[in-house]
PDB file of N, CA and C in Angstrom:
ATOM      1  N   UNK A   1      11.960   2.493  -6.512  1.00  0.00           N
ATOM      2  CA  UNK A   1      11.599   3.890  -6.380  1.00  0.00           C
ATOM      3  C   UNK A   1      10.111   4.033  -6.038  1.00  0.00           C
ATOM      4  N   UNK A   2       9.303   3.114  -6.537  1.00  0.00           N
ATOM      5  CA  UNK A   2       7.876   3.181  -6.218  1.00  0.00           C
ATOM      6  C   UNK A   2       7.654   2.996  -4.718  1.00  0.00           C
ATOM      7  N   UNK A   3       8.400   2.058  -4.100  1.00  0.00           N
ATOM      8  CA  UNK A   3       8.271   1.830  -2.662  1.00  0.00           C
ATOM      9  C   UNK A   3       8.686   3.058  -1.857  1.00  0.00           C
ATOM     10  N   UNK A   4       9.596   3.855  -2.413  1.00  0.00           N
ATOM     11  CA  UNK A   4      10.069   5.054  -1.726  1.00  0.00           C
ATOM     12  C   UNK A   4       9.209   6.271  -2.040  1.00  0.00           C
ATOM     13  N   UNK A   5       8.182   6.082  -2.885  1.00  0.00           N
ATOM     14  CA  UNK A   5       7.270   7.178  -3.196  1.00  0.00           C
ATOM     15  C   UNK A   5       7.814   8.164  -4.214  1.00  0.00           C
ATOM     16  N   UNK A   6       8.806   7.752  -4.992  1.00  0.00           N
ATOM     17  CA  UNK A   6       9.428   8.654  -5.971  1.00  0.00           C
ATOM     18  C   UNK A   6       9.611   7.966  -7.323  1.00  0.00           C
ATOM     19  N   UNK A   7       8.628   7.218  -7.772  1.00  0.00           N
ATOM     20  CA  UNK A   7       8.750   6.496  -9.035  1.00  0.00           C
ATOM     21  C   UNK A   7       8.864   7.483 -10.194  1.00  0.00           C
ATOM     22  N   UNK A   8       9.851   7.290 -11.083  1.00  0.00           N
ATOM     23  CA  UNK A   8       9.977   8.194 -12.230  1.00  0.00           C
ATOM     24  C   UNK A   8       8.686   8.247 -13.042  1.00  0.00           C
ATOM     25  N   UNK A   9       8.281   9.404 -13.399  1.00  0.00           N
ATOM     26  CA  UNK A   9       7.034   9.714 -14.123  1.00  0.00           C
ATOM     27  C   UNK A   9       5.795   9.319 -13.332  1.00  0.00           C
ATOM     28  N   UNK A  10       5.942   9.091 -12.050  1.00  0.00           N
ATOM     29  CA  UNK A  10       4.804   8.705 -11.227  1.00  0.00           C
ATOM     30  C   UNK A  10       3.946   9.879 -10.763  1.00  0.00           C
ATOM     31  N   UNK A  11       4.456  11.069 -10.842  1.00  0.00           N
ATOM     32  CA  UNK A  11       3.695  12.257 -10.446  1.00  0.00           C
ATOM     33  C   UNK A  11       2.869  12.716 -11.644  1.00  0.00           C
ATOM     34  N   UNK A  12       1.552  12.783 -11.483  1.00  0.00           N
ATOM     35  CA  UNK A  12       0.706  13.096 -12.645  1.00  0.00           C
ATOM     36  C   UNK A  12       0.793  14.555 -13.119  1.00  0.00           C
ATOM     37  N   UNK A  13       1.319  15.445 -12.307  1.00  0.00           N
ATOM     38  CA  UNK A  13       1.402  16.850 -12.709  1.00  0.00           C
ATOM     39  C   UNK A  13       2.834  17.188 -13.125  1.00  0.00           C
ATOM     40  N   UNK A  14       3.023  18.189 -13.972  1.00  0.00           N
ATOM     41  CA  UNK A  14       4.362  18.491 -14.489  1.00  0.00           C
ATOM     42  C   UNK A  14       5.302  19.168 -13.499  1.00  0.00           C
ATOM     43  N   UNK A  15       4.814  19.566 -12.330  1.00  0.00           N
ATOM     44  CA  UNK A  15       5.682  20.250 -11.370  1.00  0.00           C
ATOM     45  C   UNK A  15       6.492  19.294 -10.506  1.00  0.00           C
ATOM     46  N   UNK A  16       6.344  17.999 -10.674  1.00  0.00           N
ATOM     47  CA  UNK A  16       7.145  17.029  -9.942  1.00  0.00           C
ATOM     48  C   UNK A  16       6.634  16.763  -8.537  1.00  0.00           C
ATOM     49  N   UNK A  17       7.384  15.933  -7.836  1.00  0.00           N
ATOM     50  CA  UNK A  17       7.001  15.564  -6.483  1.00  0.00           C
ATOM     51  C   UNK A  17       7.154  16.757  -5.544  1.00  0.00           C
ATOM     52  N   UNK A  18       6.282  16.862  -4.548  1.00  0.00           N
ATOM     53  CA  UNK A  18       6.408  17.964  -3.584  1.00  0.00           C
ATOM     54  C   UNK A  18       7.729  17.876  -2.820  1.00  0.00           C
ATOM     55  N   UNK A  19       8.225  19.021  -2.387  1.00  0.00           N
ATOM     56  CA  UNK A  19       9.483  19.088  -1.654  1.00  0.00           C
ATOM     57  C   UNK A  19       9.232  19.512  -0.208  1.00  0.00           C
ATOM     58  N   UNK A  20       8.200  18.952   0.393  1.00  0.00           N
ATOM     59  CA  UNK A  20       7.886  19.207   1.799  1.00  0.00           C
ATOM     60  C   UNK A  20       7.713  17.865   2.487  1.00  0.00           C
ATOM     61  N   UNK A  21       8.139  17.784   3.733  1.00  0.00           N
ATOM     62  CA  UNK A  21       8.205  16.484   4.399  1.00  0.00           C
ATOM     63  C   UNK A  21       6.865  15.788   4.540  1.00  0.00           C
ATOM     64  N   UNK A  22       5.757  16.513   4.722  1.00  0.00           N
ATOM     65  CA  UNK A  22       4.475  15.839   4.916  1.00  0.00           C
ATOM     66  C   UNK A  22       4.034  15.074   3.678  1.00  0.00           C
ATOM     67  N   UNK A  23       4.548  15.445   2.524  1.00  0.00           N
ATOM     68  CA  UNK A  23       4.174  14.765   1.291  1.00  0.00           C
ATOM     69  C   UNK A  23       4.888  13.427   1.119  1.00  0.00           C
ATOM     70  N   UNK A  24       6.035  13.246   1.743  1.00  0.00           N
ATOM     71  CA  UNK A  24       6.781  12.016   1.516  1.00  0.00           C
ATOM     72  C   UNK A  24       7.192  11.276   2.770  1.00  0.00           C
ATOM     73  N   UNK A  25       6.907  11.809   3.924  1.00  0.00           N
ATOM     74  CA  UNK A  25       7.295  11.122   5.149  1.00  0.00           C
ATOM     75  C   UNK A  25       6.082  10.452   5.785  1.00  0.00           C
ATOM     76  N   UNK A  26       6.171   9.159   5.850  1.00  0.00           N
ATOM     77  CA  UNK A  26       5.192   8.350   6.568  1.00  0.00           C
ATOM     78  C   UNK A  26       5.961   7.179   7.154  1.00  0.00           C
ATOM     79  N   UNK A  27       5.343   6.469   8.047  1.00  0.00           N
ATOM     80  CA  UNK A  27       6.026   5.312   8.643  1.00  0.00           C
ATOM     81  C   UNK A  27       6.417   4.306   7.570  1.00  0.00           C
ATOM     82  N   UNK A  28       5.524   4.053   6.631  1.00  0.00           N
ATOM     83  CA  UNK A  28       5.812   3.089   5.579  1.00  0.00           C
ATOM     84  C   UNK A  28       6.944   3.532   4.674  1.00  0.00           C
ATOM     85  N   UNK A  29       6.940   4.809   4.299  1.00  0.00           N
ATOM     86  CA  UNK A  29       8.003   5.324   3.437  1.00  0.00           C
ATOM     87  C   UNK A  29       9.344   5.278   4.147  1.00  0.00           C
ATOM     88  N   UNK A  30       9.355   5.612   5.437  1.00  0.00           N
ATOM     89  CA  UNK A  30      10.614   5.571   6.180  1.00  0.00           C
ATOM     90  C   UNK A  30      11.134   4.139   6.283  1.00  0.00           C
ATOM     91  N   UNK A  31      10.274   3.191   6.579  1.00  0.00           N
ATOM     92  CA  UNK A  31      10.700   1.794   6.676  1.00  0.00           C
ATOM     93  C   UNK A  31      11.199   1.303   5.332  1.00  0.00           C
ATOM     94  N   UNK A  32      10.507   1.658   4.250  1.00  0.00           N
ATOM     95  CA  UNK A  32      10.978   1.268   2.920  1.00  0.00           C
ATOM     96  C   UNK A  32      12.350   1.874   2.631  1.00  0.00           C
ATOM     97  N   UNK A  33      12.556   3.115   3.045  1.00  0.00           N
ATOM     98  CA  UNK A  33      13.862   3.756   2.867  1.00  0.00           C
ATOM     99  C   UNK A  33      14.950   3.045   3.651  1.00  0.00           C
ATOM    100  N   UNK A  34      14.651   2.676   4.886  1.00  0.00           N
ATOM    101  CA  UNK A  34      15.628   1.951   5.712  1.00  0.00           C
ATOM    102  C   UNK A  34      15.955   0.601   5.078  1.00  0.00           C
ATOM    103  N   UNK A  35      14.915  -0.091   4.603  1.00  0.00           N
ATOM    104  CA  UNK A  35      15.141  -1.393   3.974  1.00  0.00           C
ATOM    105  C   UNK A  35      15.966  -1.245   2.698  1.00  0.00           C
ATOM    106  N   UNK A  36      15.680  -0.207   1.915  1.00  0.00           N
ATOM    107  CA  UNK A  36      16.445   0.008   0.685  1.00  0.00           C
ATOM    108  C   UNK A  36      17.897   0.347   1.007  1.00  0.00           C
ATOM    109  N   UNK A  37      18.125   1.142   2.044  1.00  0.00           N
ATOM    110  CA  UNK A  37      19.497   1.460   2.449  1.00  0.00           C
ATOM    111  C   UNK A  37      20.239   0.176   2.827  1.00  0.00           C
ATOM    112  N   UNK A  38      19.586  -0.709   3.565  1.00  0.00           N
ATOM    113  CA  UNK A  38      20.217  -1.980   3.944  1.00  0.00           C
ATOM    114  C   UNK A  38      20.523  -2.824   2.711  1.00  0.00           C
ATOM    115  N   UNK A  39      19.609  -2.835   1.753  1.00  0.00           N
ATOM    116  CA  UNK A  39      19.830  -3.588   0.520  1.00  0.00           C
ATOM    117  C   UNK A  39      21.027  -3.032  -0.243  1.00  0.00           C
ATOM    118  N   UNK A  40      21.094  -1.703  -0.357  1.00  0.00           N
ATOM    119  CA  UNK A  40      22.199  -1.088  -1.095  1.00  0.00           C
ATOM    120  C   UNK A  40      23.529  -1.264  -0.384  1.00  0.00           C
ATOM    121  N   UNK A  41      23.548  -1.100   0.947  1.00  0.00           N
ATOM    122  CA  UNK A  41      24.787  -1.288   1.704  1.00  0.00           C
ATOM    123  C   UNK A  41      25.292  -2.722   1.538  1.00  0.00           C
ATOM    124  N   UNK A  42      24.363  -3.659   1.461  1.00  0.00           N
ATOM    125  CA  UNK A  42      24.743  -5.064   1.305  1.00  0.00           C
ATOM    126  C   UNK A  42      25.005  -5.486  -0.134  1.00  0.00           C
ATOM    127  N   UNK A  43      24.862  -4.539  -1.083  1.00  0.00           N
ATOM    128  CA  UNK A  43      25.093  -4.873  -2.484  1.00  0.00           C
ATOM    129  C   UNK A  43      23.989  -5.701  -3.098  1.00  0.00           C
ATOM    130  N   UNK A  44      22.773  -5.553  -2.593  1.00  0.00           N
ATOM    131  CA  UNK A  44      21.654  -6.371  -3.033  1.00  0.00           C
ATOM    132  C   UNK A  44      20.974  -5.948  -4.320  1.00  0.00           C
ATOM    133  N   UNK A  45      21.481  -4.937  -4.976  1.00  0.00           N
ATOM    134  CA  UNK A  45      20.908  -4.517  -6.267  1.00  0.00           C
ATOM    135  C   UNK A  45      21.990  -4.696  -7.339  1.00  0.00           C
ATOM    136  N   UNK A  46      22.068  -5.883  -7.938  1.00  0.00           N
ATOM    137  CA  UNK A  46      23.166  -6.154  -8.873  1.00  0.00           C
ATOM    138  C   UNK A  46      23.165  -5.247 -10.106  1.00  0.00           C
ATOM    139  N   UNK A  47      22.043  -4.610 -10.400  1.00  0.00           N
ATOM    140  CA  UNK A  47      22.002  -3.725 -11.560  1.00  0.00           C
ATOM    141  C   UNK A  47      22.711  -2.388 -11.319  1.00  0.00           C
ATOM    142  N   UNK A  48      23.070  -2.107 -10.057  1.00  0.00           N
ATOM    143  CA  UNK A  48      23.787  -0.889  -9.708  1.00  0.00           C
ATOM    144  C   UNK A  48      25.217  -1.211  -9.291  1.00  0.00           C
ATOM    145  N   UNK A  49      26.117  -0.294  -9.547  1.00  0.00           N
ATOM    146  CA  UNK A  49      27.447  -0.432  -8.976  1.00  0.00           C
ATOM    147  C   UNK A  49      27.394   0.188  -7.584  1.00  0.00           C
ATOM    148  N   UNK A  50      28.189  -0.290  -6.689  1.00  0.00           N
ATOM    149  CA  UNK A  50      28.156   0.225  -5.328  1.00  0.00           C
ATOM    150  C   UNK A  50      29.528   0.090  -4.699  1.00  0.00           C
ATOM    151  N   UNK A  51      29.707   0.848  -3.633  1.00  0.00           N
ATOM    152  CA  UNK A  51      30.939   0.783  -2.866  1.00  0.00           C
ATOM    153  C   UNK A  51      30.695  -0.116  -1.668  1.00  0.00           C
ATOM    154  N   UNK A  52      31.572  -1.068  -1.449  1.00  0.00           N
ATOM    155  CA  UNK A  52      31.429  -1.927  -0.271  1.00  0.00           C
ATOM    156  C   UNK A  52      31.488  -1.060   0.977  1.00  0.00           C
ATOM    157  N   UNK A  53      30.739  -1.450   1.991  1.00  0.00           N
ATOM    158  CA  UNK A  53      30.604  -0.645   3.203  1.00  0.00           C
ATOM    159  C   UNK A  53      31.943  -0.287   3.826  1.00  0.00           C
ATOM    160  N   UNK A  54      32.871  -1.234   3.846  1.00  0.00           N
ATOM    161  CA  UNK A  54      34.153  -0.955   4.490  1.00  0.00           C
ATOM    162  C   UNK A  54      35.050  -0.039   3.649  1.00  0.00           C
ATOM    163  N   UNK A  55      34.610   0.327   2.447  1.00  0.00           N
ATOM    164  CA  UNK A  55      35.375   1.243   1.586  1.00  0.00           C
ATOM    165  C   UNK A  55      34.707   2.621   1.486  1.00  0.00           C
ATOM    166  N   UNK A  56      33.620   2.835   2.211  1.00  0.00           N
ATOM    167  CA  UNK A  56      32.892   4.101   2.126  1.00  0.00           C
ATOM    168  C   UNK A  56      33.698   5.307   2.605  1.00  0.00           C
ATOM    169  N   UNK A  57      34.671   5.085   3.461  1.00  0.00           N
ATOM    170  CA  UNK A  57      35.469   6.205   3.970  1.00  0.00           C
ATOM    171  C   UNK A  57      36.687   6.484   3.093  1.00  0.00           C
ATOM    172  N   UNK A  58      36.845   5.723   2.020  1.00  0.00           N
ATOM    173  CA  UNK A  58      37.980   5.923   1.129  1.00  0.00           C
ATOM    174  C   UNK A  58      39.076   4.908   1.378  1.00  0.00           C
ATOM    175  N   UNK A  59      40.194   5.104   0.709  1.00  0.00           N
ATOM    176  CA  UNK A  59      41.286   4.140   0.798  1.00  0.00           C
ATOM    177  C   UNK A  59      42.144   4.323   2.041  1.00  0.00           C
ATOM    178  N   UNK A  60      42.102   5.498   2.646  1.00  0.00           N
ATOM    179  CA  UNK A  60      42.887   5.768   3.853  1.00  0.00           C
ATOM    180  C   UNK A  60      42.001   5.541   5.077  1.00  0.00           C
ATOM    181  N   UNK A  61      42.177   4.408   5.716  1.00  0.00           N
ATOM    182  CA  UNK A  61      41.334   4.041   6.861  1.00  0.00           C
ATOM    183  C   UNK A  61      41.791   4.795   8.104  1.00  0.00           C
ATOM    184  N   UNK A  62      40.864   5.538   8.746  1.00  0.00           N
ATOM    185  CA  UNK A  62      41.230   6.222   9.990  1.00  0.00           C
ATOM    186  C   UNK A  62      41.717   5.231  11.042  1.00  0.00           C
ATOM    187  N   UNK A  63      42.592   5.695  11.929  1.00  0.00           N
ATOM    188  CA  UNK A  63      43.210   4.813  12.922  1.00  0.00           C
ATOM    189  C   UNK A  63      42.290   4.482  14.090  1.00  0.00           C
ATOM    190  N   UNK A  64      41.389   5.412  14.449  1.00  0.00           N
ATOM    191  CA  UNK A  64      40.524   5.171  15.599  1.00  0.00           C
ATOM    192  C   UNK A  64      39.068   5.027  15.167  1.00  0.00           C
ATOM    193  N   UNK A  65      38.311   4.354  16.006  1.00  0.00           N
ATOM    194  CA  UNK A  65      36.900   4.135  15.712  1.00  0.00           C
ATOM    195  C   UNK A  65      36.138   5.456  15.613  1.00  0.00           C
ATOM    196  N   UNK A  66      36.454   6.406  16.485  1.00  0.00           N
ATOM    197  CA  UNK A  66      35.773   7.700  16.448  1.00  0.00           C
ATOM    198  C   UNK A  66      36.035   8.445  15.159  1.00  0.00           C
ATOM    199  N   UNK A  67      37.279   8.446  14.698  1.00  0.00           N
ATOM    200  CA  UNK A  67      37.625   9.099  13.434  1.00  0.00           C
ATOM    201  C   UNK A  67      36.958   8.395  12.257  1.00  0.00           C
ATOM    202  N   UNK A  68      36.846   7.071  12.356  1.00  0.00           N
ATOM    203  CA  UNK A  68      36.197   6.303  11.304  1.00  0.00           C
ATOM    204  C   UNK A  68      34.720   6.691  11.213  1.00  0.00           C
ATOM    205  N   UNK A  69      34.032   6.760  12.359  1.00  0.00           N
ATOM    206  CA  UNK A  69      32.618   7.127  12.362  1.00  0.00           C
ATOM    207  C   UNK A  69      32.446   8.562  11.861  1.00  0.00           C
ATOM    208  N   UNK A  70      33.365   9.446  12.223  1.00  0.00           N
ATOM    209  CA  UNK A  70      33.306  10.817  11.701  1.00  0.00           C
ATOM    210  C   UNK A  70      33.365  10.811  10.174  1.00  0.00           C
ATOM    211  N   UNK A  71      34.299  10.054   9.609  1.00  0.00           N
ATOM    212  CA  UNK A  71      34.449   9.986   8.155  1.00  0.00           C
ATOM    213  C   UNK A  71      33.229   9.334   7.505  1.00  0.00           C
ATOM    214  N   UNK A  72      32.700   8.304   8.140  1.00  0.00           N
ATOM    215  CA  UNK A  72      31.519   7.622   7.611  1.00  0.00           C
ATOM    216  C   UNK A  72      30.307   8.548   7.616  1.00  0.00           C
ATOM    217  N   UNK A  73      30.139   9.302   8.696  1.00  0.00           N
ATOM    218  CA  UNK A  73      29.019  10.246   8.781  1.00  0.00           C
ATOM    219  C   UNK A  73      29.149  11.346   7.733  1.00  0.00           C
ATOM    220  N   UNK A  74      30.345  11.853   7.552  1.00  0.00           N
ATOM    221  CA  UNK A  74      30.559  12.885   6.527  1.00  0.00           C
ATOM    222  C   UNK A  74      30.200  12.354   5.147  1.00  0.00           C
ATOM    223  N   UNK A  75      30.558  11.101   4.885  1.00  0.00           N
ATOM    224  CA  UNK A  75      30.285  10.510   3.575  1.00  0.00           C
ATOM    225  C   UNK A  75      28.804  10.222   3.360  1.00  0.00           C
ATOM    226  N   UNK A  76      28.130   9.709   4.393  1.00  0.00           N
ATOM    227  CA  UNK A  76      26.746   9.262   4.214  1.00  0.00           C
ATOM    228  C   UNK A  76      25.695  10.320   4.512  1.00  0.00           C
ATOM    229  N   UNK A  77      25.912  11.139   5.533  1.00  0.00           N
ATOM    230  CA  UNK A  77      24.888  12.132   5.894  1.00  0.00           C
ATOM    231  C   UNK A  77      25.401  13.565   5.798  1.00  0.00           C
ATOM    232  N   UNK A  78      26.647  13.715   5.360  1.00  0.00           N
ATOM    233  CA  UNK A  78      27.248  15.032   5.107  1.00  0.00           C
ATOM    234  C   UNK A  78      27.206  15.947   6.327  1.00  0.00           C
ATOM    235  N   UNK A  79      27.391  15.352   7.502  1.00  0.00           N
ATOM    236  CA  UNK A  79      27.352  16.100   8.748  1.00  0.00           C
ATOM    237  C   UNK A  79      28.356  15.526   9.740  1.00  0.00           C
ATOM    238  N   UNK A  80      28.676  16.343  10.722  1.00  0.00           N
ATOM    239  CA  UNK A  80      29.439  15.875  11.870  1.00  0.00           C
ATOM    240  C   UNK A  80      28.434  15.496  12.947  1.00  0.00           C
ATOM    241  N   UNK A  81      28.584  14.320  13.504  1.00  0.00           N
ATOM    242  CA  UNK A  81      27.673  13.870  14.558  1.00  0.00           C
ATOM    243  C   UNK A  81      28.052  14.504  15.883  1.00  0.00           C
ATOM    244  N   UNK A  82      27.054  14.679  16.734  1.00  0.00           N
ATOM    245  CA  UNK A  82      27.336  15.128  18.091  1.00  0.00           C
ATOM    246  C   UNK A  82      28.022  13.986  18.846  1.00  0.00           C
ATOM    247  N   UNK A  83      28.577  14.295  19.993  1.00  0.00           N
ATOM    248  CA  UNK A  83      29.235  13.272  20.804  1.00  0.00           C
ATOM    249  C   UNK A  83      28.265  12.146  21.150  1.00  0.00           C
ATOM    250  N   UNK A  84      27.041  12.503  21.504  1.00  0.00           N
ATOM    251  CA  UNK A  84      26.043  11.495  21.851  1.00  0.00           C
ATOM    252  C   UNK A  84      25.645  10.631  20.664  1.00  0.00           C
ATOM    253  N   UNK A  85      25.479  11.273  19.505  1.00  0.00           N
ATOM    254  CA  UNK A  85      25.127  10.520  18.299  1.00  0.00           C
ATOM    255  C   UNK A  85      26.251   9.565  17.909  1.00  0.00           C
ATOM    256  N   UNK A  86      27.482  10.049  18.010  1.00  0.00           N
ATOM    257  CA  UNK A  86      28.628   9.198  17.685  1.00  0.00           C
ATOM    258  C   UNK A  86      28.699   8.018  18.656  1.00  0.00           C
ATOM    259  N   UNK A  87      28.420   8.264  19.919  1.00  0.00           N
ATOM    260  CA  UNK A  87      28.446   7.183  20.909  1.00  0.00           C
ATOM    261  C   UNK A  87      27.395   6.115  20.580  1.00  0.00           C
ATOM    262  N   UNK A  88      26.241   6.537  20.090  1.00  0.00           N
ATOM    263  CA  UNK A  88      25.214   5.559  19.710  1.00  0.00           C
ATOM    264  C   UNK A  88      25.689   4.680  18.551  1.00  0.00           C
ATOM    265  N   UNK A  89      26.315   5.297  17.560  1.00  0.00           N
ATOM    266  CA  UNK A  89      26.825   4.526  16.421  1.00  0.00           C
ATOM    267  C   UNK A  89      27.951   3.601  16.877  1.00  0.00           C
ATOM    268  N   UNK A  90      28.835   4.103  17.741  1.00  0.00           N
ATOM    269  CA  UNK A  90      29.936   3.269  18.254  1.00  0.00           C
ATOM    270  C   UNK A  90      29.424   2.150  19.158  1.00  0.00           C
ATOM    271  N   UNK A  91      28.212   2.291  19.674  1.00  0.00           N
ATOM    272  CA  UNK A  91      27.616   1.232  20.476  1.00  0.00           C
ATOM    273  C   UNK A  91      27.295  -0.015  19.663  1.00  0.00           C
ATOM    274  N   UNK A  92      27.182   0.139  18.356  1.00  0.00           N
ATOM    275  CA  UNK A  92      26.887  -1.026  17.506  1.00  0.00           C
ATOM    276  C   UNK A  92      28.032  -2.034  17.570  1.00  0.00           C
ATOM    277  N   UNK A  93      29.290  -1.625  17.343  1.00  0.00           N
ATOM    278  CA  UNK A  93      30.377  -2.594  17.527  1.00  0.00           C
ATOM    279  C   UNK A  93      30.812  -2.715  18.982  1.00  0.00           C
ATOM    280  N   UNK A  94      30.302  -1.817  19.842  1.00  0.00           N
ATOM    281  CA  UNK A  94      30.637  -1.880  21.261  1.00  0.00           C
ATOM    282  C   UNK A  94      32.039  -1.408  21.571  1.00  0.00           C
ATOM    283  N   UNK A  95      32.464  -0.320  20.932  1.00  0.00           N
ATOM    284  CA  UNK A  95      33.813   0.193  21.164  1.00  0.00           C
ATOM    285  C   UNK A  95      33.754   1.667  21.543  1.00  0.00           C
ATOM    286  N   UNK A  96      34.850   2.156  22.085  1.00  0.00           N
ATOM    287  CA  UNK A  96      34.955   3.578  22.405  1.00  0.00           C
ATOM    288  C   UNK A  96      35.521   4.327  21.200  1.00  0.00           C
ATOM    289  N   UNK A  97      35.432   5.635  21.238  1.00  0.00           N
ATOM    290  CA  UNK A  97      35.946   6.465  20.142  1.00  0.00           C
ATOM    291  C   UNK A  97      37.448   6.326  19.972  1.00  0.00           C
ATOM    292  N   UNK A  98      38.148   5.986  21.050  1.00  0.00           N
ATOM    293  CA  UNK A  98      39.613   5.880  20.979  1.00  0.00           C
ATOM    294  C   UNK A  98      40.102   4.482  20.609  1.00  0.00           C
ATOM    295  N   UNK A  99      39.186   3.535  20.450  1.00  0.00           N
ATOM    296  CA  UNK A  99      39.578   2.162  20.096  1.00  0.00           C
ATOM    297  C   UNK A  99      40.219   2.138  18.717  1.00  0.00           C
ATOM    298  N   UNK A 100      41.150   1.240  18.545  1.00  0.00           N
ATOM    299  CA  UNK A 100      41.803   1.057  17.250  1.00  0.00           C
ATOM    300  C   UNK A 100      40.830   0.386  16.282  1.00  0.00           C
ATOM    301  N   UNK A 101      40.916   0.754  15.024  1.00  0.00           N
ATOM    302  CA  UNK A 101      40.114   0.108  13.989  1.00  0.00           C
ATOM    303  C   UNK A 101      40.736  -1.262  13.718  1.00  0.00           C
ATOM    304  N   UNK A 102      39.937  -2.309  13.951  1.00  0.00           N
ATOM    305  CA  UNK A 102      40.416  -3.668  13.737  1.00  0.00           C
ATOM    306  C   UNK A 102      39.369  -4.456  12.948  1.00  0.00           C
ATOM    307  N   UNK A 103      39.591  -5.723  12.765  1.00  0.00           N
ATOM    308  CA  UNK A 103      38.690  -6.559  11.964  1.00  0.00           C
ATOM    309  C   UNK A 103      37.293  -6.623  12.572  1.00  0.00           C
ATOM    310  N   UNK A 104      37.197  -6.699  13.894  1.00  0.00           N
ATOM    311  CA  UNK A 104      35.887  -6.732  14.562  1.00  0.00           C
ATOM    312  C   UNK A 104      35.123  -5.446  14.272  1.00  0.00           C
ATOM    313  N   UNK A 105      35.802  -4.327  14.365  1.00  0.00           N
ATOM    314  CA  UNK A 105      35.158  -3.040  14.086  1.00  0.00           C
ATOM    315  C   UNK A 105      34.714  -2.987  12.621  1.00  0.00           C
ATOM    316  N   UNK A 106      35.594  -3.365  11.705  1.00  0.00           N
ATOM    317  CA  UNK A 106      35.266  -3.306  10.281  1.00  0.00           C
ATOM    318  C   UNK A 106      34.097  -4.214   9.930  1.00  0.00           C
ATOM    319  N   UNK A 107      33.947  -5.319  10.658  1.00  0.00           N
ATOM    320  CA  UNK A 107      32.809  -6.211  10.418  1.00  0.00           C
ATOM    321  C   UNK A 107      31.485  -5.535  10.767  1.00  0.00           C
ATOM    322  N   UNK A 108      31.527  -4.535  11.649  1.00  0.00           N
ATOM    323  CA  UNK A 108      30.310  -3.825  12.059  1.00  0.00           C
ATOM    324  C   UNK A 108      30.001  -2.621  11.183  1.00  0.00           C
ATOM    325  N   UNK A 109      30.874  -2.292  10.235  1.00  0.00           N
ATOM    326  CA  UNK A 109      30.662  -1.106   9.397  1.00  0.00           C
ATOM    327  C   UNK A 109      29.330  -1.153   8.637  1.00  0.00           C
ATOM    328  N   UNK A 110      28.921  -2.279   8.035  1.00  0.00           N
ATOM    329  CA  UNK A 110      27.617  -2.276   7.368  1.00  0.00           C
ATOM    330  C   UNK A 110      26.463  -1.918   8.312  1.00  0.00           C
ATOM    331  N   UNK A 111      26.488  -2.426   9.520  1.00  0.00           N
ATOM    332  CA  UNK A 111      25.432  -2.103  10.488  1.00  0.00           C
ATOM    333  C   UNK A 111      25.489  -0.636  10.890  1.00  0.00           C
ATOM    334  N   UNK A 112      26.692  -0.083  11.042  1.00  0.00           N
ATOM    335  CA  UNK A 112      26.819   1.331  11.379  1.00  0.00           C
ATOM    336  C   UNK A 112      26.340   2.201  10.217  1.00  0.00           C
ATOM    337  N   UNK A 113      26.664   1.802   8.996  1.00  0.00           N
ATOM    338  CA  UNK A 113      26.216   2.561   7.823  1.00  0.00           C
ATOM    339  C   UNK A 113      24.693   2.533   7.724  1.00  0.00           C
ATOM    340  N   UNK A 114      24.085   1.376   7.958  1.00  0.00           N
ATOM    341  CA  UNK A 114      22.616   1.294   7.933  1.00  0.00           C
ATOM    342  C   UNK A 114      22.017   2.183   9.012  1.00  0.00           C
ATOM    343  N   UNK A 115      22.619   2.199  10.195  1.00  0.00           N
ATOM    344  CA  UNK A 115      22.102   3.049  11.280  1.00  0.00           C
ATOM    345  C   UNK A 115      22.189   4.521  10.904  1.00  0.00           C
ATOM    346  N   UNK A 116      23.282   4.927  10.283  1.00  0.00           N
ATOM    347  CA  UNK A 116      23.406   6.317   9.846  1.00  0.00           C
ATOM    348  C   UNK A 116      22.356   6.664   8.796  1.00  0.00           C
ATOM    349  N   UNK A 117      22.105   5.745   7.885  1.00  0.00           N
ATOM    350  CA  UNK A 117      21.111   6.005   6.836  1.00  0.00           C
ATOM    351  C   UNK A 117      19.689   5.941   7.363  1.00  0.00           C
ATOM    352  N   UNK A 118      19.491   5.380   8.537  1.00  0.00           N
ATOM    353  CA  UNK A 118      18.171   5.365   9.167  1.00  0.00           C
ATOM    354  C   UNK A 118      18.019   6.488  10.194  1.00  0.00           C
ATOM    355  N   UNK A 119      19.060   7.271  10.359  1.00  0.00           N
ATOM    356  CA  UNK A 119      19.057   8.314  11.394  1.00  0.00           C
ATOM    357  C   UNK A 119      18.316   9.560  10.944  1.00  0.00           C
ATOM    358  N   UNK A 120      17.904  10.389  11.897  1.00  0.00           N
ATOM    359  CA  UNK A 120      17.280  11.669  11.528  1.00  0.00           C
ATOM    360  C   UNK A 120      18.209  12.538  10.677  1.00  0.00           C
ATOM    361  N   UNK A 121      19.518  12.420  10.867  1.00  0.00           N
ATOM    362  CA  UNK A 121      20.455  13.219  10.093  1.00  0.00           C
ATOM    363  C   UNK A 121      20.344  12.923   8.597  1.00  0.00           C
ATOM    364  N   UNK A 122      20.045  11.690   8.255  1.00  0.00           N
ATOM    365  CA  UNK A 122      19.902  11.342   6.843  1.00  0.00           C
ATOM    366  C   UNK A 122      18.645  11.963   6.229  1.00  0.00           C
ATOM    367  N   UNK A 123      17.676  12.267   7.047  1.00  0.00           N
ATOM    368  CA  UNK A 123      16.404  12.789   6.531  1.00  0.00           C
ATOM    369  C   UNK A 123      16.342  14.322   6.555  1.00  0.00           C
ATOM    370  N   UNK A 124      17.422  14.975   6.947  1.00  0.00           N
ATOM    371  CA  UNK A 124      17.428  16.431   6.936  1.00  0.00           C
ATOM    372  C   UNK A 124      17.741  16.951   5.545  1.00  0.00           C
ATOM    373  N   UNK A 125      17.158  18.083   5.205  1.00  0.00           N
ATOM    374  CA  UNK A 125      17.429  18.702   3.901  1.00  0.00           C
ATOM    375  C   UNK A 125      18.644  19.564   4.007  1.00  0.00           C
TER     376      UNK A 125
END
């Protein structure tokens, strides 16, 4: 939490951390956030329980890659991606939105999840 600029009891005043982007957004903070997202997606914090990346969309796996990315985006960034944004995420496994979800696609889910957590959509309030 210290690396992310939000260490518990780290704010010396009783009003808490500021809730404006200039107070917490810097290149270093963003990179630390991206690195922490990658660590969490990979299960690198044994003191926390976590959901494996390929289970983030729930137990009912969507049939197509596009539907899968839609479900993943809803879960991680609570938004629907634009067609262009979805195409960028689908570019990670190199498939189209209509491609069937298969083992190759599922192997790319951690990378797609990290990309979503590093996206501007994740940083919106």
